[in-house]
């Protein structure tokens, strides 16, 4: 909820959050976000399949995790990553940088 409030206050439209892998996959398909914020822990599930799904759809994403980068699936270890805890300003800067690093993405993004 803090992330949603932070992003909304910064002018982003937020969809989600998704609390399961199935729900996240549905949001990816139906909402087609410009950027996704992905926690590897979704309830009792590990969301290891989501980076692949996002990459297949060419949707940039940032992994937010209390785990180290070593828990990220190998093909995605170099993706943008923020280890918890982090401050809102760092998150917003990473969102901005990730969007601007991917040409063609809107500056008024949808974040899931």
Protein backbone atom coordinates (compact mmCIF):
# COMPACT_ATOMS: atom_id res chain seq x y z
CA UNK A 1 0.00 0.00 0.00
CA UNK A 2 2.91 2.34 0.72
CA UNK A 3 4.30 1.68 -2.75
CA UNK A 4 0.92 2.37 -4.34
CA UNK A 5 0.54 5.65 -2.44
CA UNK A 6 4.08 6.70 -3.32
CA UNK A 7 3.63 5.99 -7.03
CA UNK A 8 0.19 7.58 -7.19
CA UNK A 9 1.49 10.73 -5.50
CA UNK A 10 4.25 10.85 -8.12
CA UNK A 11 1.66 10.80 -10.92
CA UNK A 12 1.74 7.15 -11.95
CA UNK A 13 -1.42 5.11 -12.52
CA UNK A 14 -1.20 1.91 -10.51
CA UNK A 15 -2.89 -1.40 -11.27
CA UNK A 16 -2.72 -4.18 -8.75
CA UNK A 17 -1.24 -5.16 -6.49
CA UNK A 18 -1.29 -8.83 -7.38
CA UNK A 19 -1.10 -11.18 -4.43
CA UNK A 20 -0.62 -14.42 -6.40
CA UNK A 21 1.30 -15.47 -9.49
CA UNK A 22 -1.97 -16.20 -11.30
CA UNK A 23 -3.30 -12.73 -10.52
CA UNK A 24 -0.04 -11.13 -11.67
CA UNK A 25 -0.17 -13.06 -14.95
CA UNK A 26 -3.76 -11.89 -15.48
CA UNK A 27 -2.76 -8.26 -14.88
CA UNK A 28 0.15 -8.60 -17.31
CA UNK A 29 -2.18 -9.96 -20.01
CA UNK A 30 -5.18 -7.70 -19.42
CA UNK A 31 -3.61 -4.41 -18.35
CA UNK A 32 -0.36 -4.54 -20.32
CA UNK A 33 1.54 -2.30 -17.87
CA UNK A 34 4.39 -0.08 -19.01
CA UNK A 35 6.41 -1.24 -16.02
CA UNK A 36 6.01 -3.87 -13.33
CA UNK A 37 7.31 -3.90 -9.78
CA UNK A 38 7.88 -7.50 -8.82
CA UNK A 39 8.37 -8.99 -5.38
CA UNK A 40 9.69 -12.52 -5.62
CA UNK A 41 7.48 -13.53 -2.66
CA UNK A 42 3.78 -13.40 -3.45
CA UNK A 43 2.02 -14.72 -0.40
CA UNK A 44 3.11 -18.35 -0.07
CA UNK A 45 4.40 -18.50 -3.64
CA UNK A 46 7.76 -17.66 -5.15
CA UNK A 47 7.20 -15.66 -8.33
CA UNK A 48 10.07 -17.12 -10.33
CA UNK A 49 7.95 -17.46 -13.51
CA UNK A 50 6.98 -13.78 -13.64
CA UNK A 51 10.29 -12.35 -14.87
CA UNK A 52 10.06 -14.70 -17.88
CA UNK A 53 6.46 -13.68 -18.57
CA UNK A 54 7.33 -9.98 -18.34
CA UNK A 55 10.39 -10.40 -20.57
CA UNK A 56 8.33 -12.29 -23.17
CA UNK A 57 5.86 -9.38 -23.25
CA UNK A 58 8.75 -6.88 -23.39
CA UNK A 59 7.49 -5.22 -20.21
CA UNK A 60 10.31 -3.71 -18.18
CA UNK A 61 10.32 -4.61 -14.51
CA UNK A 62 12.07 -3.90 -11.25
CA UNK A 63 12.52 -6.69 -8.74
CA UNK A 64 11.88 -5.65 -5.14
CA UNK A 65 13.02 -8.23 -2.64
CA UNK A 66 14.15 -8.84 0.89
CA UNK A 67 16.34 -11.57 -0.63
CA UNK A 68 19.70 -10.94 -2.24
CA UNK A 69 20.05 -10.67 -6.01
CA UNK A 70 21.25 -14.29 -5.87
CA UNK A 71 17.61 -15.44 -5.47
CA UNK A 72 16.68 -13.87 -8.82
CA UNK A 73 16.49 -16.40 -11.67
CA UNK A 74 19.83 -16.38 -13.53
CA UNK A 75 18.54 -14.90 -16.83
CA UNK A 76 17.21 -11.86 -14.94
CA UNK A 77 19.96 -11.17 -12.39
CA UNK A 78 21.06 -8.03 -14.21
CA UNK A 79 17.55 -6.54 -14.26
CA UNK A 80 16.83 -3.50 -12.09
CA UNK A 81 16.73 -4.63 -8.46
CA UNK A 82 15.99 -2.99 -5.12
CA UNK A 83 16.67 -4.84 -1.91
CA UNK A 84 14.27 -4.19 0.94
CA UNK A 85 14.15 -2.03 2.89
CA UNK A 86 14.51 0.96 0.58
CA UNK A 87 13.32 4.55 0.72
CA UNK A 88 10.59 5.99 -1.50
CA UNK A 89 12.97 8.38 -3.27
CA UNK A 90 15.17 5.45 -4.32
CA UNK A 91 12.15 3.55 -5.66
CA UNK A 92 10.92 6.56 -7.63
CA UNK A 93 14.37 7.19 -9.09
CA UNK A 94 14.64 3.52 -10.14
CA UNK A 95 11.16 3.64 -11.74
CA UNK A 96 12.09 6.80 -13.64
CA UNK A 97 15.46 5.42 -14.73
CA UNK A 98 14.00 2.08 -15.82
CA UNK A 99 11.29 3.73 -17.89
CA UNK A 100 13.73 6.15 -19.51
CA UNK A 101 16.18 3.36 -20.24
CA UNK A 102 13.55 1.60 -22.33
CA UNK A 103 12.87 3.71 -25.39
CA UNK A 104 9.28 3.95 -26.44
CA UNK A 105 7.80 3.62 -22.94
CA UNK A 106 5.43 6.35 -21.79
CA UNK A 107 6.40 8.72 -19.02
CA UNK A 108 2.91 8.34 -17.49
CA UNK A 109 3.20 4.66 -16.86
CA UNK A 110 1.00 1.98 -15.47
CA UNK A 111 2.70 0.09 -12.70
CA UNK A 112 1.57 -3.33 -11.54
